[in-house]
Each structure stands twice: as structure tokens, then as C-alpha cells.
Amino acid sequence: MARKFEVRKVFLYVVVGMVGTVGLLIAAAWFRPTPVLILPTAEHPDCLTPAEDREVLIGLGVSGGGSRAALFAAGAMEALAKIRV
């Protein structure tokens, strides 16, 4: 009986320690501002060249099977549409 009590006590200490650690990490992230870096962009970047006067077909293959992959692919396609690739 005493051995079972010691195991429960150790388990309780481990769980309380883990919950406390996670709580401290969440509190530290909550009160600390997240740095944001905004890079300047050019009005007309030099890396883009206009396409010739002909139809150009571009294929884009995306891979992934979840909602995060789909959201990432949609964001990439929107970014490509903005820079008119």
C-alpha cells in the first residue's frame, strides 16, 4: 500500500510540474511582445521582366493533404497573382 501511495505522489508531482512549466511558458509568451519585421518593397522590382505578346501557360503543382497545406498553397498562389508572374 505504501508503494502505491509513493507512485501516486511522484505522478502528482510530475503532472503539477509539467502544468506549471507550460503555464509559465504561456504567461511569458502572452506578456512579451512579438517582434515584427517589415521589409521595404520596390514599386517596380528589377527582377521582373514583361512577358512577350503571346499566351503563356504556367502550371503549378501543390502537394499536401491537410488544411495547413491547402492554406499555404492558396497563400502562395495569391502572392504569385499579386506580383503578376
C-alpha atoms as a PDB file:
ATOM      1  CA  MET A   1       0.000   0.000   0.000  1.00  0.00           C
ATOM      2  CA  ALA A   2       2.841   2.392   0.820  1.00  0.00           C
ATOM      3  CA  ARG A   3       4.468   1.720  -2.579  1.00  0.00           C
ATOM      4  CA  LYS A   4       1.247   2.588  -4.425  1.00  0.00           C
ATOM      5  CA  PHE A   5       0.981   5.838  -2.450  1.00  0.00           C
ATOM      6  CA  GLU A   6       4.565   6.806  -3.394  1.00  0.00           C
ATOM      7  CA  VAL A   7       3.903   6.177  -7.098  1.00  0.00           C
ATOM      8  CA  ARG A   8       0.795   8.351  -6.995  1.00  0.00           C
ATOM      9  CA  LYS A   9       2.701  11.066  -5.151  1.00  0.00           C
ATOM     10  CA  VAL A  10       5.529  11.065  -7.730  1.00  0.00           C
ATOM     11  CA  PHE A  11       2.997  11.070 -10.567  1.00  0.00           C
ATOM     12  CA  LEU A  12       1.211  14.035  -8.982  1.00  0.00           C
ATOM     13  CA  TYR A  13       4.492  15.948  -8.651  1.00  0.00           C
ATOM     14  CA  VAL A  14       5.334  15.274 -12.305  1.00  0.00           C
ATOM     15  CA  VAL A  15       1.910  16.397 -13.517  1.00  0.00           C
ATOM     16  CA  VAL A  16       1.954  19.547 -11.363  1.00  0.00           C
ATOM     17  CA  GLY A  17       5.474  20.343 -12.565  1.00  0.00           C
ATOM     18  CA  MET A  18       4.512  19.921 -16.220  1.00  0.00           C
ATOM     19  CA  VAL A  19       1.355  22.032 -15.858  1.00  0.00           C
ATOM     20  CA  GLY A  20       3.323  24.713 -14.036  1.00  0.00           C
ATOM     21  CA  THR A  21       6.035  24.776 -16.700  1.00  0.00           C
ATOM     22  CA  VAL A  22       3.515  25.034 -19.522  1.00  0.00           C
ATOM     23  CA  GLY A  23       1.698  27.770 -17.620  1.00  0.00           C
ATOM     24  CA  LEU A  24       4.891  29.772 -17.182  1.00  0.00           C
ATOM     25  CA  LEU A  25       5.742  29.423 -20.876  1.00  0.00           C
ATOM     26  CA  ILE A  26       2.278  30.584 -21.899  1.00  0.00           C
ATOM     27  CA  ALA A  27       2.458  33.533 -19.498  1.00  0.00           C
ATOM     28  CA  ALA A  28       5.891  34.531 -20.811  1.00  0.00           C
ATOM     29  CA  ALA A  29       4.696  34.391 -24.411  1.00  0.00           C
ATOM     30  CA  TRP A  30       1.485  36.252 -23.563  1.00  0.00           C
ATOM     31  CA  PHE A  31       3.126  39.269 -21.934  1.00  0.00           C
ATOM     32  CA  ARG A  32       6.153  39.544 -24.212  1.00  0.00           C
ATOM     33  CA  PRO A  33       5.548  41.402 -27.486  1.00  0.00           C
ATOM     34  CA  THR A  34       6.307  39.507 -30.653  1.00  0.00           C
ATOM     35  CA  PRO A  35       8.815  41.301 -32.894  1.00  0.00           C
ATOM     36  CA  VAL A  36       7.549  42.043 -36.388  1.00  0.00           C
ATOM     37  CA  LEU A  37       9.922  42.763 -39.257  1.00  0.00           C
ATOM     38  CA  ILE A  38       8.506  44.605 -42.248  1.00  0.00           C
ATOM     39  CA  LEU A  39      10.790  44.706 -45.263  1.00  0.00           C
ATOM     40  CA  PRO A  40      10.545  47.579 -47.734  1.00  0.00           C
ATOM     41  CA  THR A  41       9.397  46.660 -51.232  1.00  0.00           C
ATOM     42  CA  ALA A  42      10.207  48.321 -54.518  1.00  0.00           C
ATOM     43  CA  GLU A  43       7.500  49.912 -56.631  1.00  0.00           C
ATOM     44  CA  HIS A  44       8.733  48.143 -59.768  1.00  0.00           C
ATOM     45  CA  PRO A  45      11.243  45.396 -58.940  1.00  0.00           C
ATOM     46  CA  ASP A  46      14.129  44.883 -61.360  1.00  0.00           C
ATOM     47  CA  CYS A  47      13.799  41.103 -61.262  1.00  0.00           C
ATOM     48  CA  LEU A  48      10.523  41.099 -63.218  1.00  0.00           C
ATOM     49  CA  THR A  49      10.542  41.311 -66.981  1.00  0.00           C
ATOM     50  CA  PRO A  50       7.408  41.738 -69.052  1.00  0.00           C
ATOM     51  CA  ALA A  51       6.223  38.674 -70.955  1.00  0.00           C
ATOM     52  CA  GLU A  52       6.158  38.673 -74.727  1.00  0.00           C
ATOM     53  CA  ASP A  53       2.887  39.316 -76.537  1.00  0.00           C
ATOM     54  CA  ARG A  54       1.815  35.690 -76.608  1.00  0.00           C
ATOM     55  CA  GLU A  55      -0.175  33.440 -74.388  1.00  0.00           C
ATOM     56  CA  VAL A  56       1.864  31.759 -71.713  1.00  0.00           C
ATOM     57  CA  LEU A  57       0.536  28.778 -69.821  1.00  0.00           C
ATOM     58  CA  ILE A  58       2.077  28.134 -66.422  1.00  0.00           C
ATOM     59  CA  GLY A  59       1.292  25.051 -64.367  1.00  0.00           C
ATOM     60  CA  LEU A  60       1.643  24.942 -60.626  1.00  0.00           C
ATOM     61  CA  GLY A  61       1.611  21.680 -58.703  1.00  0.00           C
ATOM     62  CA  VAL A  62       0.942  21.697 -54.974  1.00  0.00           C
ATOM     63  CA  SER A  63       1.419  18.851 -52.578  1.00  0.00           C
ATOM     64  CA  GLY A  64      -0.037  18.122 -49.193  1.00  0.00           C
ATOM     65  CA  GLY A  65      -3.125  16.606 -47.727  1.00  0.00           C
ATOM     66  CA  GLY A  66      -4.303  18.816 -44.932  1.00  0.00           C
ATOM     67  CA  SER A  67      -5.828  22.182 -44.262  1.00  0.00           C
ATOM     68  CA  ARG A  68      -2.448  23.764 -43.456  1.00  0.00           C
ATOM     69  CA  ALA A  69      -1.004  22.622 -46.795  1.00  0.00           C
ATOM     70  CA  ALA A  70      -4.066  23.893 -48.654  1.00  0.00           C
ATOM     71  CA  LEU A  71      -3.896  27.264 -46.894  1.00  0.00           C
ATOM     72  CA  PHE A  72      -0.187  27.557 -47.640  1.00  0.00           C
ATOM     73  CA  ALA A  73      -0.746  26.729 -51.321  1.00  0.00           C
ATOM     74  CA  ALA A  74      -3.594  29.254 -51.571  1.00  0.00           C
ATOM     75  CA  GLY A  75      -1.397  31.935 -49.994  1.00  0.00           C
ATOM     76  CA  ALA A  76       1.424  31.147 -52.392  1.00  0.00           C
ATOM     77  CA  MET A  77      -0.917  31.419 -55.387  1.00  0.00           C
ATOM     78  CA  GLU A  78      -2.293  34.742 -54.125  1.00  0.00           C
ATOM     79  CA  ALA A  79       1.251  36.066 -53.700  1.00  0.00           C
ATOM     80  CA  LEU A  80       2.103  34.963 -57.238  1.00  0.00           C
ATOM     81  CA  ALA A  81      -1.034  36.681 -58.550  1.00  0.00           C
ATOM     82  CA  LYS A  82      -0.056  39.936 -56.831  1.00  0.00           C
ATOM     83  CA  ILE A  83       3.360  40.053 -58.483  1.00  0.00           C
ATOM     84  CA  ARG A  84       1.814  39.082 -61.816  1.00  0.00           C
ATOM     85  CA  VAL A  85       4.149  36.195 -62.619  1.00  0.00           C
END
